[in-house]
């Protein structure tokens, strides 16, 4: 005689529903839907402006003034605006000048920031807390409010209308990078310094051979964040680099803005040319961005 197994029953007498067959809770379903809706909205916020700029860069002047911003261009292969932007905007010179300023500024920022963070993290000296407090105050003061005094200082140094004016300002005003380096350096045990000193290494040797290799995630974070900021900076080049030979990519767009109007379709083409390198670099280095920001924030 075969034995029949019965499904377990609740106290009420109804068969129990297995865990995998239980209906999804309404609250969980609402949270899941809200998550996807927020992701879609965030994607639209990011992509719609890019689509508008792309459409505008492929339109003629008449088409741009008579159609809506989200209306696709009639000719998807109209590259006249890109040719005008590249030649009349002198974009090649702008990329060369921007690359030079960017590389020197990033190198100086990393050296100054890591050296300052190493001194603050490893040495004990008078007024250490005061210096950290002054760094915080300097980071909270808007840079625009001090531009008159800053311009006078840069002018007295004879750096106006030279690339070094922008380089000096980019290197000397990055307090946030110093704080990122300090936070990361505090996670490096000082026992490594002591072991290197026992082996006869000096302070600079310890900094160069022990500290810098261990700070690669923080350096990558600062290089990417600072690089994007320098690449997109408009105010400092516009104020200090007035010579046409010193134009950068951000001021090249200003060539198509006049007192009686603007060539918005050409400006859109310039914008697309400027955006493409940023997008490519971000896609290649996004792993370092995420890893570096997490390491610098939690260590």
C-alpha atoms as a PDB file:
ATOM      1  CA  UNK A   1       0.000   0.000   0.000  1.00  0.00           C
ATOM      2  CA  UNK A   2       1.509   3.262  -1.075  1.00  0.00           C
ATOM      3  CA  UNK A   3       1.756   6.171   1.298  1.00  0.00           C
ATOM      4  CA  UNK A   4       0.575   9.559   0.106  1.00  0.00           C
ATOM      5  CA  UNK A   5       2.328  12.709   1.250  1.00  0.00           C
ATOM      6  CA  UNK A   6       0.179  15.653   2.074  1.00  0.00           C
ATOM      7  CA  UNK A   7       1.116  19.269   1.706  1.00  0.00           C
ATOM      8  CA  UNK A   8       1.644  21.022   5.022  1.00  0.00           C
ATOM      9  CA  UNK A   9      -1.249  23.133   6.161  1.00  0.00           C
ATOM     10  CA  UNK A  10      -1.507  26.361   8.117  1.00  0.00           C
ATOM     11  CA  UNK A  11      -3.478  26.588  11.327  1.00  0.00           C
ATOM     12  CA  UNK A  12      -6.441  27.740   9.263  1.00  0.00           C
ATOM     13  CA  UNK A  13      -6.383  24.493   7.312  1.00  0.00           C
ATOM     14  CA  UNK A  14      -5.297  25.915   3.912  1.00  0.00           C
ATOM     15  CA  UNK A  15      -2.229  24.426   2.197  1.00  0.00           C
ATOM     16  CA  UNK A  16       1.018  26.324   2.831  1.00  0.00           C
ATOM     17  CA  UNK A  17       2.481  28.161  -0.164  1.00  0.00           C
ATOM     18  CA  UNK A  18       6.178  27.426  -0.806  1.00  0.00           C
ATOM     19  CA  UNK A  19       8.525  30.385  -0.324  1.00  0.00           C
ATOM     20  CA  UNK A  20       9.368  30.571  -4.012  1.00  0.00           C
ATOM     21  CA  UNK A  21       5.684  30.703  -4.952  1.00  0.00           C
ATOM     22  CA  UNK A  22       4.781  33.484  -2.551  1.00  0.00           C
ATOM     23  CA  UNK A  23       3.519  36.636  -4.285  1.00  0.00           C
ATOM     24  CA  UNK A  24       5.901  39.561  -4.428  1.00  0.00           C
ATOM     25  CA  UNK A  25       5.188  42.106  -1.772  1.00  0.00           C
ATOM     26  CA  UNK A  26       3.635  45.335  -3.076  1.00  0.00           C
ATOM     27  CA  UNK A  27       6.278  47.427  -1.318  1.00  0.00           C
ATOM     28  CA  UNK A  28       9.137  45.511  -2.962  1.00  0.00           C
ATOM     29  CA  UNK A  29       7.480  45.794  -6.372  1.00  0.00           C
ATOM     30  CA  UNK A  30       7.026  49.545  -5.889  1.00  0.00           C
ATOM     31  CA  UNK A  31      10.651  49.968  -4.865  1.00  0.00           C
ATOM     32  CA  UNK A  32      11.836  47.997  -7.887  1.00  0.00           C
ATOM     33  CA  UNK A  33       9.678  50.061 -10.239  1.00  0.00           C
ATOM     34  CA  UNK A  34      10.857  53.306  -8.637  1.00  0.00           C
ATOM     35  CA  UNK A  35      14.460  52.188  -9.102  1.00  0.00           C
ATOM     36  CA  UNK A  36      14.042  51.629 -12.818  1.00  0.00           C
ATOM     37  CA  UNK A  37      12.033  54.823 -13.264  1.00  0.00           C
ATOM     38  CA  UNK A  38      14.767  56.835 -11.549  1.00  0.00           C
ATOM     39  CA  UNK A  39      17.410  55.209 -13.761  1.00  0.00           C
ATOM     40  CA  UNK A  40      15.420  56.030 -16.889  1.00  0.00           C
ATOM     41  CA  UNK A  41      14.908  59.643 -15.775  1.00  0.00           C
ATOM     42  CA  UNK A  42      18.604  60.013 -14.943  1.00  0.00           C
ATOM     43  CA  UNK A  43      19.532  58.619 -18.357  1.00  0.00           C
ATOM     44  CA  UNK A  44      17.183  61.068 -20.060  1.00  0.00           C
ATOM     45  CA  UNK A  45      18.649  63.987 -18.110  1.00  0.00           C
ATOM     46  CA  UNK A  46      22.125  63.016 -19.324  1.00  0.00           C
ATOM     47  CA  UNK A  47      21.317  61.971 -22.894  1.00  0.00           C
ATOM     48  CA  UNK A  48      18.696  64.520 -24.010  1.00  0.00           C
ATOM     49  CA  UNK A  49      21.096  67.534 -23.910  1.00  0.00           C
ATOM     50  CA  UNK A  50      23.680  65.529 -25.865  1.00  0.00           C
ATOM     51  CA  UNK A  51      21.067  64.567 -28.449  1.00  0.00           C
ATOM     52  CA  UNK A  52      19.988  68.213 -28.779  1.00  0.00           C
ATOM     53  CA  UNK A  53      23.590  69.330 -29.337  1.00  0.00           C
ATOM     54  CA  UNK A  54      24.195  66.516 -31.842  1.00  0.00           C
ATOM     55  CA  UNK A  55      21.068  67.413 -33.829  1.00  0.00           C
ATOM     56  CA  UNK A  56      21.998  71.105 -33.837  1.00  0.00           C
ATOM     57  CA  UNK A  57      25.533  70.366 -35.070  1.00  0.00           C
ATOM     58  CA  UNK A  58      24.149  68.549 -38.144  1.00  0.00           C
ATOM     59  CA  UNK A  59      21.634  71.250 -39.146  1.00  0.00           C
ATOM     60  CA  UNK A  60      22.022  74.236 -41.421  1.00  0.00           C
ATOM     61  CA  UNK A  61      21.407  77.724 -40.056  1.00  0.00           C
ATOM     62  CA  UNK A  62      17.966  77.922 -41.676  1.00  0.00           C
ATOM     63  CA  UNK A  63      17.046  74.454 -40.461  1.00  0.00           C
ATOM     64  CA  UNK A  64      18.228  75.273 -36.942  1.00  0.00           C
ATOM     65  CA  UNK A  65      16.071  78.409 -36.726  1.00  0.00           C
ATOM     66  CA  UNK A  66      12.923  76.804 -38.172  1.00  0.00           C
ATOM     67  CA  UNK A  67      12.860  73.421 -36.399  1.00  0.00           C
ATOM     68  CA  UNK A  68      12.612  72.286 -32.812  1.00  0.00           C
ATOM     69  CA  UNK A  69      15.579  71.199 -30.707  1.00  0.00           C
ATOM     70  CA  UNK A  70      14.539  67.527 -30.762  1.00  0.00           C
ATOM     71  CA  UNK A  71      13.753  67.489 -34.497  1.00  0.00           C
ATOM     72  CA  UNK A  72      16.262  65.259 -36.298  1.00  0.00           C
ATOM     73  CA  UNK A  73      18.346  66.882 -39.045  1.00  0.00           C
ATOM     74  CA  UNK A  74      17.329  66.338 -42.653  1.00  0.00           C
ATOM     75  CA  UNK A  75      20.866  65.427 -43.676  1.00  0.00           C
ATOM     76  CA  UNK A  76      22.707  63.194 -41.209  1.00  0.00           C
ATOM     77  CA  UNK A  77      25.964  63.623 -43.141  1.00  0.00           C
ATOM     78  CA  UNK A  78      26.108  67.426 -43.055  1.00  0.00           C
ATOM     79  CA  UNK A  79      29.641  68.020 -41.730  1.00  0.00           C
ATOM     80  CA  UNK A  80      29.909  71.656 -42.817  1.00  0.00           C
ATOM     81  CA  UNK A  81      29.553  72.914 -39.250  1.00  0.00           C
ATOM     82  CA  UNK A  82      32.330  70.615 -38.046  1.00  0.00           C
ATOM     83  CA  UNK A  83      34.662  71.823 -40.809  1.00  0.00           C
ATOM     84  CA  UNK A  84      33.900  75.455 -39.951  1.00  0.00           C
ATOM     85  CA  UNK A  85      34.408  74.806 -36.243  1.00  0.00           C
ATOM     86  CA  UNK A  86      37.746  73.076 -36.828  1.00  0.00           C
ATOM     87  CA  UNK A  87      39.177  75.720 -39.179  1.00  0.00           C
ATOM     88  CA  UNK A  88      37.620  79.012 -38.058  1.00  0.00           C
ATOM     89  CA  UNK A  89      37.759  78.015 -34.399  1.00  0.00           C
ATOM     90  CA  UNK A  90      41.425  76.982 -34.686  1.00  0.00           C
ATOM     91  CA  UNK A  91      40.632  73.821 -32.738  1.00  0.00           C
ATOM     92  CA  UNK A  92      43.978  72.162 -33.453  1.00  0.00           C
ATOM     93  CA  UNK A  93      45.866  74.980 -31.732  1.00  0.00           C
ATOM     94  CA  UNK A  94      43.346  74.831 -28.900  1.00  0.00           C
ATOM     95  CA  UNK A  95      43.957  71.108 -28.371  1.00  0.00           C
ATOM     96  CA  UNK A  96      47.742  71.595 -28.392  1.00  0.00           C
ATOM     97  CA  UNK A  97      47.618  74.441 -25.845  1.00  0.00           C
ATOM     98  CA  UNK A  98      45.108  72.593 -23.686  1.00  0.00           C
ATOM     99  CA  UNK A  99      47.226  69.431 -23.696  1.00  0.00           C
ATOM    100  CA  UNK A 100      50.348  71.329 -22.627  1.00  0.00           C
ATOM    101  CA  UNK A 101      48.556  73.168 -19.817  1.00  0.00           C
ATOM    102  CA  UNK A 102      46.794  69.974 -18.749  1.00  0.00           C
ATOM    103  CA  UNK A 103      49.924  67.810 -18.522  1.00  0.00           C
ATOM    104  CA  UNK A 104      52.022  70.378 -16.651  1.00  0.00           C
ATOM    105  CA  UNK A 105      49.160  71.256 -14.288  1.00  0.00           C
ATOM    106  CA  UNK A 106      48.436  67.618 -13.451  1.00  0.00           C
ATOM    107  CA  UNK A 107      52.103  66.839 -12.852  1.00  0.00           C
ATOM    108  CA  UNK A 108      52.484  69.844 -10.558  1.00  0.00           C
ATOM    109  CA  UNK A 109      49.221  69.091  -8.743  1.00  0.00           C
ATOM    110  CA  UNK A 110      50.268  65.502  -7.996  1.00  0.00           C
ATOM    111  CA  UNK A 111      53.753  66.512  -6.809  1.00  0.00           C
ATOM    112  CA  UNK A 112      52.578  69.421  -4.659  1.00  0.00           C
ATOM    113  CA  UNK A 113      49.573  67.531  -3.297  1.00  0.00           C
ATOM    114  CA  UNK A 114      51.428  64.347  -2.381  1.00  0.00           C
ATOM    115  CA  UNK A 115      54.361  66.227  -0.848  1.00  0.00           C
ATOM    116  CA  UNK A 116      52.035  68.416   1.227  1.00  0.00           C
ATOM    117  CA  UNK A 117      49.968  65.400   2.298  1.00  0.00           C
ATOM    118  CA  UNK A 118      53.123  63.472   3.229  1.00  0.00           C
ATOM    119  CA  UNK A 119      54.422  66.338   5.356  1.00  0.00           C
ATOM    120  CA  UNK A 120      51.086  66.863   7.105  1.00  0.00           C
ATOM    121  CA  UNK A 121      50.475  63.152   7.657  1.00  0.00           C
ATOM    122  CA  UNK A 122      53.960  62.104   8.772  1.00  0.00           C
ATOM    123  CA  UNK A 123      55.542  65.117  10.472  1.00  0.00           C
ATOM    124  CA  UNK A 124      54.687  66.893  13.727  1.00  0.00           C
ATOM    125  CA  UNK A 125      55.262  70.647  13.609  1.00  0.00           C
ATOM    126  CA  UNK A 126      53.821  73.780  15.255  1.00  0.00           C
ATOM    127  CA  UNK A 127      50.471  75.124  14.050  1.00  0.00           C
ATOM    128  CA  UNK A 128      49.644  71.919  12.182  1.00  0.00           C
ATOM    129  CA  UNK A 129      45.960  72.105  13.042  1.00  0.00           C
ATOM    130  CA  UNK A 130      45.904  75.790  12.115  1.00  0.00           C
ATOM    131  CA  UNK A 131      47.308  75.018   8.670  1.00  0.00           C
ATOM    132  CA  UNK A 132      44.672  72.331   8.112  1.00  0.00           C
ATOM    133  CA  UNK A 133      42.006  74.817   9.180  1.00  0.00           C
ATOM    134  CA  UNK A 134      43.350  77.427   6.764  1.00  0.00           C
ATOM    135  CA  UNK A 135      43.240  74.849   3.975  1.00  0.00           C
ATOM    136  CA  UNK A 136      39.573  74.267   4.766  1.00  0.00           C
ATOM    137  CA  UNK A 137      38.834  78.013   4.800  1.00  0.00           C
ATOM    138  CA  UNK A 138      40.610  78.444   1.459  1.00  0.00           C
ATOM    139  CA  UNK A 139      38.515  75.643  -0.032  1.00  0.00           C
ATOM    140  CA  UNK A 140      35.284  77.310   1.160  1.00  0.00           C
ATOM    141  CA  UNK A 141      36.083  80.767  -0.252  1.00  0.00           C
ATOM    142  CA  UNK A 142      34.676  81.187  -3.804  1.00  0.00           C
ATOM    143  CA  UNK A 143      37.486  81.803  -6.255  1.00  0.00           C
ATOM    144  CA  UNK A 144      35.575  84.541  -8.094  1.00  0.00           C
ATOM    145  CA  UNK A 145      35.605  86.782  -5.019  1.00  0.00           C
ATOM    146  CA  UNK A 146      39.416  86.902  -4.994  1.00  0.00           C
ATOM    147  CA  UNK A 147      40.015  87.327  -8.717  1.00  0.00           C
ATOM    148  CA  UNK A 148      40.948  91.022  -8.505  1.00  0.00           C
ATOM    149  CA  UNK A 149      43.773  90.342  -6.054  1.00  0.00           C
ATOM    150  CA  UNK A 150      44.758  87.161  -7.896  1.00  0.00           C
ATOM    151  CA  UNK A 151      44.972  88.991 -11.212  1.00  0.00           C
ATOM    152  CA  UNK A 152      47.206  91.677  -9.691  1.00  0.00           C
ATOM    153  CA  UNK A 153      49.544  89.008  -8.292  1.00  0.00           C
ATOM    154  CA  UNK A 154      49.737  87.130 -11.587  1.00  0.00           C
ATOM    155  CA  UNK A 155      50.306  90.387 -13.475  1.00  0.00           C
ATOM    156  CA  UNK A 156      53.102  91.441 -11.116  1.00  0.00           C
ATOM    157  CA  UNK A 157      54.798  88.114 -11.829  1.00  0.00           C
ATOM    158  CA  UNK A 158      54.680  88.829 -15.570  1.00  0.00           C
ATOM    159  CA  UNK A 159      52.661  85.705 -16.358  1.00  0.00           C
ATOM    160  CA  UNK A 160      49.633  87.275 -18.053  1.00  0.00           C
ATOM    161  CA  UNK A 161      49.291  86.149 -21.684  1.00  0.00           C
ATOM    162  CA  UNK A 162      51.524  83.141 -21.041  1.00  0.00           C
ATOM    163  CA  UNK A 163      50.469  79.526 -20.463  1.00  0.00           C
ATOM    164  CA  UNK A 164      52.159  79.639 -17.053  1.00  0.00           C
ATOM    165  CA  UNK A 165      49.478  81.932 -15.657  1.00  0.00           C
ATOM    166  CA  UNK A 166      46.860  79.198 -16.041  1.00  0.00           C
ATOM    167  CA  UNK A 167      49.314  76.501 -14.928  1.00  0.00           C
ATOM    168  CA  UNK A 168      50.235  78.332 -11.709  1.00  0.00           C
ATOM    169  CA  UNK A 169      46.581  78.945 -10.861  1.00  0.00           C
ATOM    170  CA  UNK A 170      45.574  75.346 -11.575  1.00  0.00           C
ATOM    171  CA  UNK A 171      48.408  73.983  -9.436  1.00  0.00           C
ATOM    172  CA  UNK A 172      48.031  76.390  -6.517  1.00  0.00           C
ATOM    173  CA  UNK A 173      44.284  76.353  -5.954  1.00  0.00           C
ATOM    174  CA  UNK A 174      43.538  72.640  -5.563  1.00  0.00           C
ATOM    175  CA  UNK A 175      43.013  72.164  -1.828  1.00  0.00           C
ATOM    176  CA  UNK A 176      40.578  69.295  -2.429  1.00  0.00           C
ATOM    177  CA  UNK A 177      43.340  67.181  -3.986  1.00  0.00           C
ATOM    178  CA  UNK A 178      45.514  67.677  -0.904  1.00  0.00           C
ATOM    179  CA  UNK A 179      42.669  66.468   1.315  1.00  0.00           C
ATOM    180  CA  UNK A 180      42.162  63.394  -0.895  1.00  0.00           C
ATOM    181  CA  UNK A 181      45.867  62.567  -0.591  1.00  0.00           C
ATOM    182  CA  UNK A 182      45.829  63.132   3.180  1.00  0.00           C
ATOM    183  CA  UNK A 183      42.828  60.851   3.692  1.00  0.00           C
ATOM    184  CA  UNK A 184      44.414  58.105   1.613  1.00  0.00           C
ATOM    185  CA  UNK A 185      47.859  58.486   3.173  1.00  0.00           C
ATOM    186  CA  UNK A 186      46.441  57.973   6.654  1.00  0.00           C
ATOM    187  CA  UNK A 187      45.623  54.394   5.625  1.00  0.00           C
ATOM    188  CA  UNK A 188      49.308  53.666   4.894  1.00  0.00           C
ATOM    189  CA  UNK A 189      50.885  52.351   8.126  1.00  0.00           C
ATOM    190  CA  UNK A 190      53.831  54.330   9.445  1.00  0.00           C
ATOM    191  CA  UNK A 191      55.606  51.058  10.179  1.00  0.00           C
ATOM    192  CA  UNK A 192      56.570  50.995   6.486  1.00  0.00           C
ATOM    193  CA  UNK A 193      58.351  54.326   6.934  1.00  0.00           C
ATOM    194  CA  UNK A 194      60.123  53.063  10.034  1.00  0.00           C
ATOM    195  CA  UNK A 195      61.242  49.870   8.289  1.00  0.00           C
ATOM    196  CA  UNK A 196      62.635  51.883   5.376  1.00  0.00           C
ATOM    197  CA  UNK A 197      64.459  54.229   7.780  1.00  0.00           C
ATOM    198  CA  UNK A 198      66.052  51.234   9.507  1.00  0.00           C
ATOM    199  CA  UNK A 199      67.357  50.165   6.107  1.00  0.00           C
ATOM    200  CA  UNK A 200      68.951  53.612   5.708  1.00  0.00           C
ATOM    201  CA  UNK A 201      66.403  55.341   3.488  1.00  0.00           C
ATOM    202  CA  UNK A 202      65.891  59.079   3.843  1.00  0.00           C
ATOM    203  CA  UNK A 203      62.580  60.884   3.950  1.00  0.00           C
ATOM    204  CA  UNK A 204      62.541  61.726   0.231  1.00  0.00           C
ATOM    205  CA  UNK A 205      63.502  58.158  -0.678  1.00  0.00           C
ATOM    206  CA  UNK A 206      60.634  56.879   1.465  1.00  0.00           C
ATOM    207  CA  UNK A 207      58.280  59.302  -0.245  1.00  0.00           C
ATOM    208  CA  UNK A 208      59.478  58.323  -3.725  1.00  0.00           C
ATOM    209  CA  UNK A 209      59.826  54.538  -3.342  1.00  0.00           C
ATOM    210  CA  UNK A 210      57.286  53.670  -0.646  1.00  0.00           C
ATOM    211  CA  UNK A 211      54.535  56.280  -0.496  1.00  0.00           C
ATOM    212  CA  UNK A 212      54.015  57.160  -4.171  1.00  0.00           C
ATOM    213  CA  UNK A 213      53.605  53.549  -5.419  1.00  0.00           C
ATOM    214  CA  UNK A 214      50.996  52.897  -2.736  1.00  0.00           C
ATOM    215  CA  UNK A 215      49.039  56.052  -3.616  1.00  0.00           C
ATOM    216  CA  UNK A 216      48.241  55.091  -7.204  1.00  0.00           C
ATOM    217  CA  UNK A 217      44.441  54.877  -6.630  1.00  0.00           C
ATOM    218  CA  UNK A 218      44.343  58.357  -5.062  1.00  0.00           C
ATOM    219  CA  UNK A 219      46.611  59.763  -7.780  1.00  0.00           C
ATOM    220  CA  UNK A 220      44.372  58.271 -10.467  1.00  0.00           C
ATOM    221  CA  UNK A 221      41.330  59.864  -8.835  1.00  0.00           C
ATOM    222  CA  UNK A 222      42.931  63.303  -8.637  1.00  0.00           C
ATOM    223  CA  UNK A 223      44.306  63.104 -12.185  1.00  0.00           C
ATOM    224  CA  UNK A 224      40.904  62.247 -13.650  1.00  0.00           C
ATOM    225  CA  UNK A 225      38.874  64.759 -11.628  1.00  0.00           C
ATOM    226  CA  UNK A 226      41.440  67.545 -12.004  1.00  0.00           C
ATOM    227  CA  UNK A 227      42.005  66.742 -15.673  1.00  0.00           C
ATOM    228  CA  UNK A 228      38.323  67.086 -16.512  1.00  0.00           C
ATOM    229  CA  UNK A 229      38.153  70.360 -14.554  1.00  0.00           C
ATOM    230  CA  UNK A 230      41.166  71.835 -16.376  1.00  0.00           C
ATOM    231  CA  UNK A 231      39.897  70.554 -19.735  1.00  0.00           C
ATOM    232  CA  UNK A 232      36.521  72.280 -19.271  1.00  0.00           C
ATOM    233  CA  UNK A 233      37.799  75.455 -17.570  1.00  0.00           C
ATOM    234  CA  UNK A 234      36.733  78.651 -19.354  1.00  0.00           C
ATOM    235  CA  UNK A 235      37.098  81.528 -16.914  1.00  0.00           C
ATOM    236  CA  UNK A 236      40.860  81.367 -16.247  1.00  0.00           C
ATOM    237  CA  UNK A 237      41.922  80.981 -19.912  1.00  0.00           C
ATOM    238  CA  UNK A 238      39.486  83.688 -20.984  1.00  0.00           C
ATOM    239  CA  UNK A 239      40.826  86.120 -18.371  1.00  0.00           C
ATOM    240  CA  UNK A 240      44.572  85.425 -18.527  1.00  0.00           C
ATOM    241  CA  UNK A 241      45.183  84.053 -22.043  1.00  0.00           C
ATOM    242  CA  UNK A 242      43.974  86.879 -24.249  1.00  0.00           C
ATOM    243  CA  UNK A 243      46.381  86.252 -27.134  1.00  0.00           C
ATOM    244  CA  UNK A 244      44.872  84.333 -30.101  1.00  0.00           C
ATOM    245  CA  UNK A 245      47.951  82.077 -30.138  1.00  0.00           C
ATOM    246  CA  UNK A 246      47.111  80.931 -26.595  1.00  0.00           C
ATOM    247  CA  UNK A 247      43.511  79.918 -27.200  1.00  0.00           C
ATOM    248  CA  UNK A 248      42.333  76.672 -25.635  1.00  0.00           C
ATOM    249  CA  UNK A 249      39.404  74.494 -26.616  1.00  0.00           C
ATOM    250  CA  UNK A 250      37.032  76.128 -24.134  1.00  0.00           C
ATOM    251  CA  UNK A 251      37.680  79.644 -25.481  1.00  0.00           C
ATOM    252  CA  UNK A 252      37.554  78.437 -29.097  1.00  0.00           C
ATOM    253  CA  UNK A 253      33.768  78.173 -28.778  1.00  0.00           C
ATOM    254  CA  UNK A 254      33.624  81.866 -27.891  1.00  0.00           C
ATOM    255  CA  UNK A 255      34.873  82.802 -31.370  1.00  0.00           C
ATOM    256  CA  UNK A 256      31.400  82.139 -32.774  1.00  0.00           C
ATOM    257  CA  UNK A 257      29.620  84.409 -30.266  1.00  0.00           C
ATOM    258  CA  UNK A 258      29.319  88.010 -31.415  1.00  0.00           C
ATOM    259  CA  UNK A 259      27.544  91.161 -30.186  1.00  0.00           C
ATOM    260  CA  UNK A 260      24.701  90.653 -32.680  1.00  0.00           C
ATOM    261  CA  UNK A 261      24.091  86.955 -32.270  1.00  0.00           C
ATOM    262  CA  UNK A 262      25.717  83.557 -32.217  1.00  0.00           C
ATOM    263  CA  UNK A 263      26.286  80.742 -34.697  1.00  0.00           C
ATOM    264  CA  UNK A 264      24.687  78.135 -32.490  1.00  0.00           C
ATOM    265  CA  UNK A 265      24.925  75.306 -35.008  1.00  0.00           C
ATOM    266  CA  UNK A 266      28.693  75.884 -35.297  1.00  0.00           C
ATOM    267  CA  UNK A 267      29.018  76.179 -31.524  1.00  0.00           C
ATOM    268  CA  UNK A 268      27.186  72.849 -31.248  1.00  0.00           C
ATOM    269  CA  UNK A 269      29.710  71.281 -33.640  1.00  0.00           C
ATOM    270  CA  UNK A 270      32.559  72.707 -31.530  1.00  0.00           C
ATOM    271  CA  UNK A 271      30.922  71.260 -28.456  1.00  0.00           C
ATOM    272  CA  UNK A 272      30.727  67.802 -30.000  1.00  0.00           C
ATOM    273  CA  UNK A 273      34.414  67.984 -30.957  1.00  0.00           C
ATOM    274  CA  UNK A 274      35.269  68.928 -27.363  1.00  0.00           C
ATOM    275  CA  UNK A 275      33.029  66.245 -25.844  1.00  0.00           C
ATOM    276  CA  UNK A 276      34.352  63.295 -27.864  1.00  0.00           C
ATOM    277  CA  UNK A 277      37.823  63.096 -26.190  1.00  0.00           C
ATOM    278  CA  UNK A 278      36.245  63.420 -22.743  1.00  0.00           C
ATOM    279  CA  UNK A 279      33.801  60.577 -23.393  1.00  0.00           C
ATOM    280  CA  UNK A 280      36.528  58.327 -24.805  1.00  0.00           C
ATOM    281  CA  UNK A 281      38.862  58.960 -21.854  1.00  0.00           C
ATOM    282  CA  UNK A 282      36.037  58.402 -19.369  1.00  0.00           C
ATOM    283  CA  UNK A 283      35.081  55.073 -20.964  1.00  0.00           C
ATOM    284  CA  UNK A 284      38.706  53.930 -20.884  1.00  0.00           C
ATOM    285  CA  UNK A 285      39.395  55.055 -17.311  1.00  0.00           C
ATOM    286  CA  UNK A 286      36.020  54.606 -15.602  1.00  0.00           C
ATOM    287  CA  UNK A 287      37.384  51.646 -13.610  1.00  0.00           C
ATOM    288  CA  UNK A 288      40.047  53.889 -12.074  1.00  0.00           C
ATOM    289  CA  UNK A 289      37.459  56.596 -11.367  1.00  0.00           C
ATOM    290  CA  UNK A 290      35.198  54.291  -9.352  1.00  0.00           C
ATOM    291  CA  UNK A 291      37.999  52.425  -7.575  1.00  0.00           C
ATOM    292  CA  UNK A 292      39.973  55.558  -6.781  1.00  0.00           C
ATOM    293  CA  UNK A 293      37.044  57.532  -5.415  1.00  0.00           C
ATOM    294  CA  UNK A 294      35.994  54.594  -3.215  1.00  0.00           C
ATOM    295  CA  UNK A 295      39.508  54.079  -1.886  1.00  0.00           C
ATOM    296  CA  UNK A 296      40.072  57.766  -1.211  1.00  0.00           C
ATOM    297  CA  UNK A 297      36.739  58.168   0.510  1.00  0.00           C
ATOM    298  CA  UNK A 298      36.854  55.175   2.835  1.00  0.00           C
ATOM    299  CA  UNK A 299      40.509  54.885   3.780  1.00  0.00           C
END
